[in-house]
Protein backbone atom coordinates (compact mmCIF):
# COMPACT_ATOMS: atom_id res chain seq x y z
CA MET A 1 85.77 127.75 60.85
CA SER A 2 84.83 126.14 57.57
CA ARG A 3 81.19 125.68 56.61
CA GLY A 4 81.04 121.89 56.91
CA HIS A 5 82.34 121.56 60.47
CA GLN A 6 80.32 121.36 63.67
CA ALA A 7 80.86 124.27 66.07
CA GLN A 8 82.78 123.48 69.24
CA VAL A 9 80.79 123.86 72.47
CA ASN A 10 82.80 124.88 75.53
CA SER A 11 81.70 125.04 79.15
CA LEU A 12 82.37 128.15 81.22
CA GLU A 13 83.54 126.88 84.60
CA GLY A 14 81.30 127.56 87.60
CA THR A 15 78.68 129.64 85.77
CA GLY A 16 76.58 126.88 84.22
CA LEU A 17 77.01 128.58 80.83
CA GLU A 18 78.23 127.04 77.60
CA ASP A 19 79.56 128.86 74.57
CA THR A 20 79.78 128.13 70.86
CA VAL A 21 82.02 129.90 68.37
CA VAL A 22 79.74 130.33 65.35
CA ARG A 23 82.32 131.86 63.01
CA ILE A 24 85.85 133.28 62.95
CA TYR A 25 86.42 136.18 60.56
CA ARG A 26 89.86 137.19 59.28
CA CYS A 27 90.59 140.71 58.12
CA ALA A 28 93.82 141.90 56.49
CA THR A 29 95.23 145.40 56.30
CA VAL A 30 98.08 146.03 53.89
CA VAL A 31 101.07 147.82 55.42
CA LYS A 32 104.58 148.54 54.20
CA GLY A 33 105.93 145.19 55.40
CA GLY A 34 103.08 143.08 53.96
CA ARG A 35 99.71 142.10 55.38
CA ARG A 36 98.67 142.49 58.99
CA PHE A 37 95.82 140.19 60.03
CA SER A 38 93.18 140.76 62.67
CA PHE A 39 90.40 138.38 63.73
CA ALA A 40 86.81 138.62 64.86
CA ALA A 41 84.79 135.91 66.58
CA LEU A 42 81.01 135.52 66.64
CA VAL A 43 80.19 133.73 69.91
CA VAL A 44 76.91 132.50 71.43
CA VAL A 45 76.62 131.83 75.18
CA GLY A 46 73.72 130.08 76.91
CA ASP A 47 72.70 127.81 79.77
CA ARG A 48 70.28 125.59 77.75
CA LYS A 49 67.54 126.59 80.24
CA GLY A 50 66.18 129.77 78.70
CA ARG A 51 69.10 132.23 78.87
CA VAL A 52 71.16 133.14 75.81
CA GLY A 53 73.47 135.93 74.66
CA ILE A 54 75.53 136.79 71.59
CA GLY A 55 78.88 138.55 71.32
CA TYR A 56 81.24 139.76 68.62
CA GLY A 57 84.85 140.16 69.76
CA LYS A 58 87.76 141.50 67.71
CA ALA A 59 91.49 141.16 68.38
CA ARG A 60 94.88 140.57 66.75
CA GLU A 61 94.85 136.87 67.74
CA VAL A 62 92.07 134.27 67.46
CA PRO A 63 92.00 133.18 71.17
CA ALA A 64 91.81 136.81 72.31
CA ALA A 65 88.95 137.51 69.89
CA VAL A 66 87.05 134.43 71.10
CA GLU A 67 87.56 135.45 74.73
CA LYS A 68 86.31 138.99 74.05
CA GLY A 69 83.29 137.61 72.20
CA ARG A 70 82.54 135.25 75.10
CA LYS A 71 82.76 138.12 77.60
CA ILE A 72 80.48 140.36 75.50
CA ALA A 73 77.97 137.51 75.03
CA SER A 74 77.93 136.86 78.79
CA ARG A 75 77.11 140.53 79.37
CA ASN A 76 74.29 140.37 76.78
CA LEU A 77 72.47 137.39 78.35
CA ARG A 78 68.68 137.61 78.00
CA GLU A 79 65.90 135.50 79.47
CA ILE A 80 63.85 133.64 76.82
CA LYS A 81 60.23 132.66 77.44
CA LEU A 82 59.97 129.00 76.45
CA ASP A 83 56.92 126.72 76.39
CA GLY A 84 58.47 123.44 77.50
CA ALA A 85 60.99 122.44 74.82
CA THR A 86 59.64 124.79 72.14
CA LEU A 87 58.48 128.40 71.71
CA PRO A 88 55.06 129.66 72.85
CA HIS A 89 54.12 130.99 69.39
CA ARG A 90 55.33 131.63 65.84
CA VAL A 91 57.82 134.49 65.69
CA VAL A 92 59.77 136.35 63.01
CA GLY A 93 63.15 137.95 63.68
CA ARG A 94 64.76 140.51 61.40
CA PHE A 95 68.21 142.02 61.29
CA GLY A 96 69.78 143.69 58.29
CA ALA A 97 68.77 141.81 55.15
CA SER A 98 68.12 138.57 57.06
CA GLN A 99 64.78 137.29 58.25
CA VAL A 100 64.28 134.16 60.37
CA VAL A 101 60.83 132.59 60.84
CA MET A 102 60.47 130.21 63.80
CA VAL A 103 57.45 127.93 64.21
CA PRO A 104 56.81 125.79 67.34
CA ALA A 105 56.94 122.05 66.70
CA SER A 106 55.58 118.96 68.43
CA PRO A 107 57.81 117.00 70.83
CA GLY A 108 60.39 114.81 69.11
CA THR A 109 60.73 117.00 66.02
CA GLY A 110 64.14 118.40 66.93
CA VAL A 111 65.63 121.71 65.85
CA ILE A 112 65.32 122.09 62.08
CA ALA A 113 67.67 125.00 61.39
CA GLY A 114 70.91 126.03 59.74
CA ALA A 115 74.18 126.02 61.68
CA SER A 116 74.24 129.63 62.89
CA VAL A 117 70.53 129.70 63.84
CA ARG A 118 70.86 126.26 65.50
CA ALA A 119 73.72 127.48 67.73
CA VAL A 120 71.52 130.19 69.26
CA LEU A 121 68.46 127.94 69.64
CA GLU A 122 70.29 125.00 71.23
CA LEU A 123 72.09 127.18 73.78
CA ALA A 124 68.75 128.85 74.58
CA GLY A 125 67.32 125.43 75.47
CA VAL A 126 64.97 124.94 72.51
CA HIS A 127 64.58 121.27 71.50
CA ASP A 128 61.65 121.24 69.03
CA LEU A 129 61.38 123.97 66.42
CA LEU A 130 61.02 124.55 62.68
CA THR A 131 62.87 127.50 61.15
CA LYS A 132 63.21 129.11 57.76
CA SER A 133 65.58 131.92 56.88
CA TYR A 134 65.00 134.42 54.09
CA GLY A 135 67.25 137.06 52.58
CA SER A 136 70.91 137.31 53.50
CA ARG A 137 72.62 134.12 54.73
CA ASN A 138 75.35 136.08 56.52
CA PRO A 139 75.92 134.30 59.90
CA LYS A 140 76.20 137.64 61.77
CA ASN A 141 72.79 138.75 60.52
CA LEU A 142 71.16 135.33 61.04
CA VAL A 143 72.39 135.10 64.64
CA ARG A 144 71.22 138.64 65.42
CA ALA A 145 67.83 138.00 63.74
CA THR A 146 67.37 134.79 65.74
CA PHE A 147 68.30 136.58 68.97
CA ASP A 148 65.90 139.42 68.08
CA ALA A 149 63.07 136.93 67.58
CA LEU A 150 63.73 135.09 70.85
CA VAL A 151 63.85 138.33 72.85
CA GLY A 152 60.50 139.35 71.28
CA LEU A 153 58.65 136.27 72.56
CA HIS A 154 55.71 136.70 74.92
CA ALA A 155 54.18 134.09 77.20
CA ARG A 156 50.45 133.44 76.74
CA ALA A 157 49.60 134.64 80.26
CA ALA A 158 51.56 137.86 79.76
CA VAL A 159 49.64 138.68 76.55
CA GLU A 160 46.32 137.97 78.27
CA ASP A 161 47.22 140.26 81.19
CA LEU A 162 48.46 142.99 78.87
CA ARG A 163 45.32 142.97 76.71
CA GLY A 164 42.89 142.25 79.53
CA VAL A 165 41.23 139.41 77.58
CA LYS A 166 41.25 135.62 77.52
CA LEU A 167 42.91 134.22 74.37
CA ALA A 168 41.07 131.51 72.46
CA GLY A 169 42.68 128.15 71.64
């Protein structure tokens, strides 16, 4: 997929899940007869209601790689703690050389994010959020960093119970 195009969102029949192919990677190995290509697909799956997963599938053909990525992402589904249409608090996700900072926004702001980060957030069900990415802009790392941040979220009540105190504000 080229950089300027919008990712295609597909619906998985009967499960209530949708998937987005964030990026297709092509790899070539040189053999006696020429080049042999293989493909990898970075796929995000979510229900837009607080569940999201990511998958990276590899195969000799693009459709097979996408299908493998979709299956892996479905297996990696995680529950995300949302506060309405945004996140409960500011969170930073890191993976490799990428860092993604996510800040809750007021209703009507929309998702301010790059393409790969946006794919994860929209399929997670986030509607209002400000993001900033630092370091590597590699889509694999950005998607994993975003997923890492979302999985690390804590609801206000859970933090209060864990600490045994009432949070101010």
